[in-house]
Amino acid sequence: MPAGSLSELQISEIRQLAKRADALVDASLSANTRRAYATAWRLWSEWCLGFGLDPAQADASWLVLHLTALTENRSVSTIELRRSAVLTIRRRLGRPLHLDDANLGEASFDAFLKGVRRTLGARPVRKAALLEENLRAAMFLLPADPGQERLRQLRNRALLLIGFAGGFRRSELSGFDLRDAALSADGLVLFVASSKNDQERHGAEVAIRAVPGAPLCAVTALRAWLQARGDTPGALFSRVDRGGHLTLGLDGRLPPIDPKTLARLVKRVVGQSGLDMDEFSAHSLRAGMMTAADRKKVPLEQAMQHGRWKDAATARGYRRHSSLWAGDFTDALLRDE
């Protein structure tokens, strides 16, 4: 299709399609993946429109050009996500792309990707782990305020400590309903209705034992939050407005916090303690749990079960260098006898 051949009506329809691209992705994928694919399709669409192309009809060579342009300032993982998104949505539109048909001379598309990996490198970008010492500092930065900020501070304490103790993702923390929490003399059992590794929603239970008197006891923090929150149906970790009050949704339930709120909370408390907030995210809680478990010699299998990891290699990647110092190898190697 030659450049500039699209009518204003076609361009409008293409942009409307891009706005609802997440509906064209298989529902078996997670909500985060659908959103990422929708964003990737929207960017692909705008790129194609710049050349007067219909993104639903452009051939494979154009996708290769698009991905090649991304190598200037995007990571390998972003390039691969864009590729997957475009291929997936084109299949759903009934206009599949076959990258082996792209005009790459004698090279295959797989060879192109290998070249990208060699050029850009494939080192993953990992956020730092929020460790026990970081959490202790955070508790000092979240004092028990008797004023209008009390509700927010109680919720934030519980969020940080539950996130760390359970190794939860931010989507799981924001997704907990009040009904998902069961307290007993032993501690707390949280029901994870769905997660990244459980797209079919079988659910899983995570037990967190109470450690009364410990400054980082997640169960104590949750009890304090629930006492203030009350038994109104809705999200376990609900929103608190600027005035320090709970807000009800139109359905009479307490709405959940935005997952981004947790990310901002983690960044704020680590920034106040003098650390580089750019190195941390909400996922730092999950990495912190695994790193702390590794520090304390908890067997990998036990930590994987608690954190709901299915792949050992992935789980090991969450141990932020805590095992690199095990065994004091270089000390033994260089020590004078």
Protein backbone atom coordinates (compact mmCIF):
# COMPACT_ATOMS: atom_id res chain seq x y z
CA MET A 1 0.00 0.00 0.00
CA PRO A 2 1.64 3.28 -1.06
CA ALA A 3 2.32 6.01 1.47
CA GLY A 4 -0.41 8.59 1.92
CA SER A 5 -3.14 6.42 0.36
CA LEU A 6 -5.31 6.20 3.50
CA SER A 7 -8.39 8.36 3.80
CA GLU A 8 -9.24 10.38 6.90
CA LEU A 9 -12.05 7.91 7.64
CA GLN A 10 -9.65 4.94 7.43
CA ILE A 11 -7.15 6.67 9.70
CA SER A 12 -9.91 7.38 12.23
CA GLU A 13 -11.04 3.73 12.14
CA ILE A 14 -7.47 2.52 12.60
CA ARG A 15 -7.03 4.71 15.67
CA GLN A 16 -10.34 3.53 17.10
CA LEU A 17 -9.18 -0.06 16.63
CA ALA A 18 -5.94 0.76 18.44
CA LYS A 19 -7.91 2.11 21.41
CA ARG A 20 -9.66 -1.23 21.89
CA ALA A 21 -6.75 -3.45 20.96
CA ASP A 22 -6.72 -5.12 24.38
CA ALA A 23 -10.12 -6.64 23.51
CA LEU A 24 -8.47 -8.40 20.58
CA VAL A 25 -6.05 -10.26 22.82
CA ASP A 26 -6.88 -13.71 24.15
CA ALA A 27 -8.58 -13.53 27.56
CA SER A 28 -6.30 -16.31 28.80
CA LEU A 29 -3.51 -13.73 29.02
CA SER A 30 -3.09 -11.63 32.15
CA ALA A 31 -4.54 -8.13 32.37
CA ASN A 32 -1.01 -6.69 32.40
CA THR A 33 -0.12 -8.55 29.21
CA ARG A 34 -3.30 -7.37 27.49
CA ARG A 35 -2.52 -3.77 28.43
CA ALA A 36 1.09 -4.13 27.24
CA TYR A 37 -0.07 -5.63 23.93
CA ALA A 38 -2.63 -2.86 23.47
CA THR A 39 0.05 -0.23 23.99
CA ALA A 40 2.38 -2.02 21.57
CA TRP A 41 -0.36 -2.19 18.92
CA ARG A 42 -1.15 1.50 19.34
CA LEU A 43 2.51 2.42 18.82
CA TRP A 44 2.75 0.10 15.82
CA SER A 45 -0.39 1.69 14.39
CA GLU A 46 0.97 5.22 14.76
CA TRP A 47 4.27 4.16 13.22
CA CYS A 48 2.46 2.64 10.23
CA LEU A 49 0.24 5.69 9.80
CA GLY A 50 3.38 7.79 9.52
CA PHE A 51 4.08 5.90 6.28
CA GLY A 52 0.48 5.88 5.11
CA LEU A 53 0.11 2.19 5.96
CA ASP A 54 -2.77 0.23 7.46
CA PRO A 55 -1.25 -1.66 10.45
CA ALA A 56 -3.70 -4.51 9.92
CA GLN A 57 -2.45 -5.03 6.34
CA ALA A 58 1.22 -3.96 6.30
CA ASP A 59 3.44 -6.89 5.33
CA ALA A 60 6.14 -8.54 7.42
CA SER A 61 8.96 -6.45 6.02
CA TRP A 62 7.38 -3.36 7.58
CA LEU A 63 7.27 -5.02 10.99
CA VAL A 64 10.95 -5.86 10.66
CA LEU A 65 11.67 -2.21 9.84
CA HIS A 66 9.63 -1.14 12.86
CA LEU A 67 11.54 -3.50 15.16
CA THR A 68 14.84 -2.44 13.65
CA ALA A 69 14.03 1.20 14.44
CA LEU A 70 13.42 0.20 18.05
CA THR A 71 16.96 -1.12 18.43
CA GLU A 72 18.20 2.47 18.70
CA ASN A 73 16.68 3.09 22.13
CA ARG A 74 14.74 0.04 23.32
CA SER A 75 15.71 -3.15 25.15
CA VAL A 76 15.57 -6.65 23.70
CA SER A 77 12.59 -7.50 25.91
CA THR A 78 10.64 -4.49 24.59
CA ILE A 79 11.41 -5.46 20.99
CA GLU A 80 10.26 -9.03 21.58
CA LEU A 81 7.08 -7.82 23.32
CA ARG A 82 6.26 -5.53 20.36
CA ARG A 83 6.77 -8.42 17.97
CA SER A 84 4.53 -10.75 19.99
CA ALA A 85 1.82 -8.10 20.33
CA VAL A 86 1.63 -7.33 16.62
CA LEU A 87 1.69 -11.00 15.61
CA THR A 88 -1.00 -11.89 18.17
CA ILE A 89 -3.40 -9.10 17.22
CA ARG A 90 -2.89 -9.66 13.50
CA ARG A 91 -3.88 -13.31 14.02
CA ARG A 92 -7.00 -12.22 15.90
CA LEU A 93 -7.86 -9.88 13.02
CA GLY A 94 -7.58 -12.75 10.56
CA ARG A 95 -4.56 -11.20 8.84
CA PRO A 96 -1.60 -13.18 10.21
CA LEU A 97 1.97 -12.11 9.55
CA HIS A 98 4.69 -14.60 8.69
CA LEU A 99 8.02 -13.09 9.55
CA ASP A 100 9.91 -15.69 7.55
CA ASP A 101 8.40 -13.98 4.50
CA ALA A 102 10.03 -10.66 5.40
CA ASN A 103 12.56 -9.31 2.94
CA LEU A 104 15.78 -9.88 4.91
CA GLY A 105 17.94 -11.20 2.12
CA GLU A 106 19.29 -14.61 3.08
CA ALA A 107 18.88 -14.01 6.82
CA SER A 108 15.89 -15.34 8.74
CA PHE A 109 13.97 -13.32 11.30
CA ASP A 110 15.39 -15.51 14.09
CA ALA A 111 18.86 -14.56 12.89
CA PHE A 112 17.83 -10.91 13.00
CA LEU A 113 16.73 -11.30 16.64
CA LYS A 114 19.94 -13.07 17.57
CA GLY A 115 21.84 -10.17 16.08
CA VAL A 116 19.78 -7.73 18.13
CA ARG A 117 20.53 -9.67 21.32
CA ARG A 118 24.24 -9.72 20.57
CA THR A 119 24.22 -5.99 19.81
CA LEU A 120 22.07 -4.79 22.70
CA GLY A 121 22.77 -7.53 25.20
CA ALA A 122 20.03 -9.33 27.09
CA ARG A 123 20.89 -8.44 30.66
CA PRO A 124 17.60 -8.08 32.56
CA VAL A 125 16.81 -4.82 34.34
CA ARG A 126 16.08 -5.79 37.92
CA LYS A 127 14.95 -3.58 40.72
CA ALA A 128 16.75 -3.74 44.05
CA ALA A 129 15.34 -5.87 46.84
CA LEU A 130 13.68 -4.15 49.79
CA LEU A 131 15.37 -5.96 52.68
CA GLU A 132 14.61 -6.27 56.37
CA GLU A 133 16.89 -3.36 57.27
CA ASN A 134 15.08 -1.22 54.68
CA LEU A 135 11.72 -2.18 56.17
CA ARG A 136 12.85 -1.31 59.69
CA ALA A 137 13.84 2.13 58.43
CA ALA A 138 10.48 2.41 56.64
CA MET A 139 8.58 1.68 59.89
CA PHE A 140 10.31 4.66 61.51
CA LEU A 141 9.27 6.77 58.54
CA LEU A 142 5.62 5.72 58.97
CA PRO A 143 4.92 6.72 62.59
CA ALA A 144 1.54 6.08 64.18
CA ASP A 145 -0.06 9.48 63.59
CA PRO A 146 -3.21 10.15 65.65
CA GLY A 147 -4.34 12.76 63.10
CA GLN A 148 -6.00 12.54 59.68
CA GLU A 149 -3.09 10.56 58.21
CA ARG A 150 -3.56 7.68 60.65
CA LEU A 151 -5.67 5.53 58.30
CA ARG A 152 -3.24 5.91 55.44
CA GLN A 153 -0.25 5.12 57.63
CA LEU A 154 -1.88 1.99 59.07
CA ARG A 155 -2.74 0.81 55.57
CA ASN A 156 0.75 1.56 54.26
CA ARG A 157 2.42 -0.32 57.12
CA ALA A 158 0.26 -3.35 56.44
CA LEU A 159 0.87 -3.11 52.68
CA LEU A 160 4.65 -3.06 53.03
CA LEU A 161 4.89 -5.81 55.63
CA ILE A 162 2.32 -8.12 54.01
CA GLY A 163 3.93 -7.57 50.60
CA PHE A 164 7.32 -8.52 52.00
CA ALA A 165 6.21 -11.46 54.17
CA GLY A 166 4.12 -13.01 51.42
CA GLY A 167 6.32 -12.11 48.45
CA PHE A 168 3.26 -10.66 46.72
CA ARG A 169 3.14 -8.83 43.43
CA ARG A 170 1.53 -5.40 43.43
CA SER A 171 -1.41 -6.68 41.37
CA GLU A 172 -2.04 -9.35 44.01
CA LEU A 173 -1.89 -6.85 46.88
CA SER A 174 -4.31 -4.47 45.18
CA GLY A 175 -6.53 -7.39 44.19
CA PHE A 176 -7.14 -8.79 47.69
CA ASP A 177 -10.73 -8.63 48.91
CA LEU A 178 -11.60 -8.46 52.60
CA ARG A 179 -12.96 -12.01 52.26
CA ASP A 180 -9.53 -13.23 51.15
CA ALA A 181 -7.99 -12.65 54.60
CA ALA A 182 -8.50 -15.22 57.39
CA LEU A 183 -6.94 -14.42 60.77
CA SER A 184 -6.34 -16.96 63.52
CA ALA A 185 -4.22 -17.41 66.63
CA ASP A 186 -1.42 -18.76 64.42
CA GLY A 187 -1.42 -15.87 62.01
CA LEU A 188 -2.94 -15.03 58.64
CA VAL A 189 -3.97 -16.97 55.56
CA LEU A 190 -4.45 -14.95 52.38
CA PHE A 191 -6.23 -16.39 49.35
CA VAL A 192 -4.65 -15.32 46.05
CA ALA A 193 -7.54 -15.62 43.60
CA SER A 194 -5.36 -15.17 40.52
CA SER A 195 -1.83 -14.23 39.67
CA LYS A 196 0.67 -14.03 36.82
CA ASN A 197 1.43 -17.76 37.11
CA ASP A 198 -2.22 -18.76 37.60
CA GLN A 199 -4.12 -17.46 34.59
CA GLU A 200 -6.81 -20.15 34.97
CA ARG A 201 -7.58 -18.79 38.45
CA HIS A 202 -7.19 -21.95 40.47
CA GLY A 203 -6.12 -19.77 43.38
CA ALA A 204 -3.59 -20.36 46.14
CA GLU A 205 -3.38 -19.89 49.90
CA VAL A 206 -0.40 -18.16 51.50
CA ALA A 207 0.16 -18.47 55.25
CA ILE A 208 1.95 -15.75 57.23
CA ARG A 209 2.70 -16.64 60.84
CA ALA A 210 2.24 -14.06 63.56
CA VAL A 211 5.37 -12.95 65.43
CA PRO A 212 3.93 -10.86 68.29
CA GLY A 213 6.23 -8.11 69.47
CA ALA A 214 8.41 -8.17 66.35
CA PRO A 215 8.63 -4.74 64.66
CA LEU A 216 8.13 -6.34 61.24
CA CYS A 217 5.19 -8.59 62.17
CA ALA A 218 2.88 -8.41 59.16
CA VAL A 219 -0.04 -9.96 61.05
CA THR A 220 0.10 -7.31 63.79
CA ALA A 221 0.15 -4.58 61.14
CA LEU A 222 -2.82 -6.08 59.32
CA ARG A 223 -4.85 -6.42 62.52
CA ALA A 224 -4.28 -2.73 63.27
CA TRP A 225 -5.33 -1.76 59.75
CA LEU A 226 -8.46 -3.94 59.83
CA GLN A 227 -9.52 -2.50 63.17
CA ALA A 228 -9.38 0.97 61.63
CA ARG A 229 -10.80 -0.11 58.27
CA GLY A 230 -13.84 -1.89 59.67
CA ASP A 231 -15.85 -4.67 58.07
CA THR A 232 -17.26 -2.81 55.08
CA PRO A 233 -17.24 -5.16 52.06
CA GLY A 234 -14.66 -4.48 49.39
CA ALA A 235 -10.93 -4.35 48.90
CA LEU A 236 -8.66 -5.48 51.72
CA PHE A 237 -6.32 -2.57 51.01
CA SER A 238 -8.77 0.16 50.11
CA ARG A 239 -8.32 3.74 49.04
CA VAL A 240 -7.91 6.59 51.50
CA ASP A 241 -8.81 10.07 50.27
CA ARG A 242 -6.76 13.22 50.79
CA GLY A 243 -8.70 13.98 53.94
CA GLY A 244 -7.66 10.66 55.43
CA HIS A 245 -11.05 8.96 55.04
CA LEU A 246 -12.21 5.74 53.40
CA THR A 247 -14.21 6.24 50.21
CA LEU A 248 -17.12 4.10 49.07
CA GLY A 249 -17.66 3.12 45.46
CA LEU A 250 -21.01 3.42 43.69
CA ASP A 251 -21.69 -0.22 44.58
CA GLY A 252 -21.31 0.48 48.30
CA ARG A 253 -18.00 -1.37 48.50
CA LEU A 254 -14.56 -0.06 49.35
CA PRO A 255 -12.57 0.26 46.09
CA PRO A 256 -8.99 -1.06 45.87
CA ILE A 257 -5.89 1.07 45.81
CA ASP A 258 -4.29 1.71 42.44
CA PRO A 259 -1.32 -0.69 42.04
CA LYS A 260 0.78 2.37 41.22
CA THR A 261 0.11 3.65 44.75
CA LEU A 262 2.17 0.78 46.13
CA ALA A 263 5.02 1.54 43.73
CA ARG A 264 5.01 5.18 44.81
CA LEU A 265 4.92 4.14 48.47
CA VAL A 266 7.99 1.92 48.12
CA LYS A 267 9.88 4.63 46.27
CA ARG A 268 8.94 7.27 48.82
CA VAL A 269 10.01 5.35 51.91
CA VAL A 270 13.32 4.25 50.41
CA GLY A 271 13.97 7.77 49.18
CA GLN A 272 13.35 9.18 52.66
CA SER A 273 15.84 6.69 54.09
CA GLY A 274 18.57 7.96 51.78
CA LEU A 275 18.50 5.21 49.13
CA ASP A 276 18.16 5.78 45.39
CA MET A 277 14.42 5.48 44.79
CA ASP A 278 14.95 4.80 41.09
CA GLU A 279 16.47 1.44 41.99
CA PHE A 280 13.29 0.26 43.73
CA SER A 281 9.74 -0.58 42.73
CA ALA A 282 6.76 -2.45 44.16
CA HIS A 283 8.44 -5.64 42.95
CA SER A 284 11.26 -4.92 45.41
CA LEU A 285 9.04 -6.44 48.12
CA ARG A 286 8.86 -9.77 46.29
CA ALA A 287 12.59 -9.72 45.60
CA GLY A 288 13.21 -8.79 49.23
CA MET A 289 11.33 -11.82 50.50
CA MET A 290 13.31 -14.22 48.32
CA THR A 291 16.63 -12.54 49.13
CA ALA A 292 15.90 -12.64 52.87
CA ALA A 293 14.96 -16.31 52.61
CA ASP A 294 18.23 -17.03 50.83
CA ARG A 295 20.20 -15.10 53.45
CA LYS A 296 18.65 -17.25 56.17
CA LYS A 297 19.31 -20.51 54.31
CA VAL A 298 15.65 -21.29 53.62
CA PRO A 299 15.58 -24.11 51.04
CA LEU A 300 14.81 -22.84 47.55
CA GLU A 301 11.87 -25.24 47.16
CA GLN A 302 10.24 -23.92 50.32
CA ALA A 303 10.69 -20.29 49.26
CA MET A 304 9.33 -21.11 45.78
CA GLN A 305 6.21 -22.67 47.27
CA HIS A 306 5.62 -19.67 49.51
CA GLY A 307 6.14 -17.19 46.67
CA ARG A 308 4.25 -19.30 44.09
CA TRP A 309 7.19 -19.62 41.69
CA LYS A 310 7.00 -22.49 39.24
CA ASP A 311 10.44 -22.20 37.64
CA ALA A 312 13.56 -22.60 39.78
CA ALA A 313 15.73 -20.49 37.47
CA THR A 314 13.27 -17.60 37.68
CA ALA A 315 13.08 -17.90 41.46
CA ARG A 316 16.86 -17.86 41.78
CA GLY A 317 16.91 -14.63 39.80
CA TYR A 318 15.04 -12.95 42.65
CA ARG A 319 17.86 -13.61 45.09
CA ARG A 320 19.58 -10.27 44.61
CA HIS A 321 23.20 -11.44 44.83
CA SER A 322 22.72 -12.77 48.36
CA SER A 323 24.33 -16.09 47.40
CA LEU A 324 27.35 -14.59 45.66
CA TRP A 325 29.19 -14.32 48.96
CA ALA A 326 28.35 -17.80 50.17
CA GLY A 327 31.37 -19.95 50.91
CA ASP A 328 33.93 -17.08 50.96
CA PHE A 329 35.58 -18.68 47.93
CA THR A 330 38.11 -15.95 47.12
CA ASP A 331 39.02 -15.56 50.78
CA ALA A 332 39.82 -19.26 50.93
CA LEU A 333 41.63 -19.05 47.60
CA LEU A 334 43.92 -16.18 48.56
CA ARG A 335 44.36 -16.70 52.30
CA ASP A 336 47.90 -17.41 53.43
CA GLU A 337 48.15 -20.76 55.15
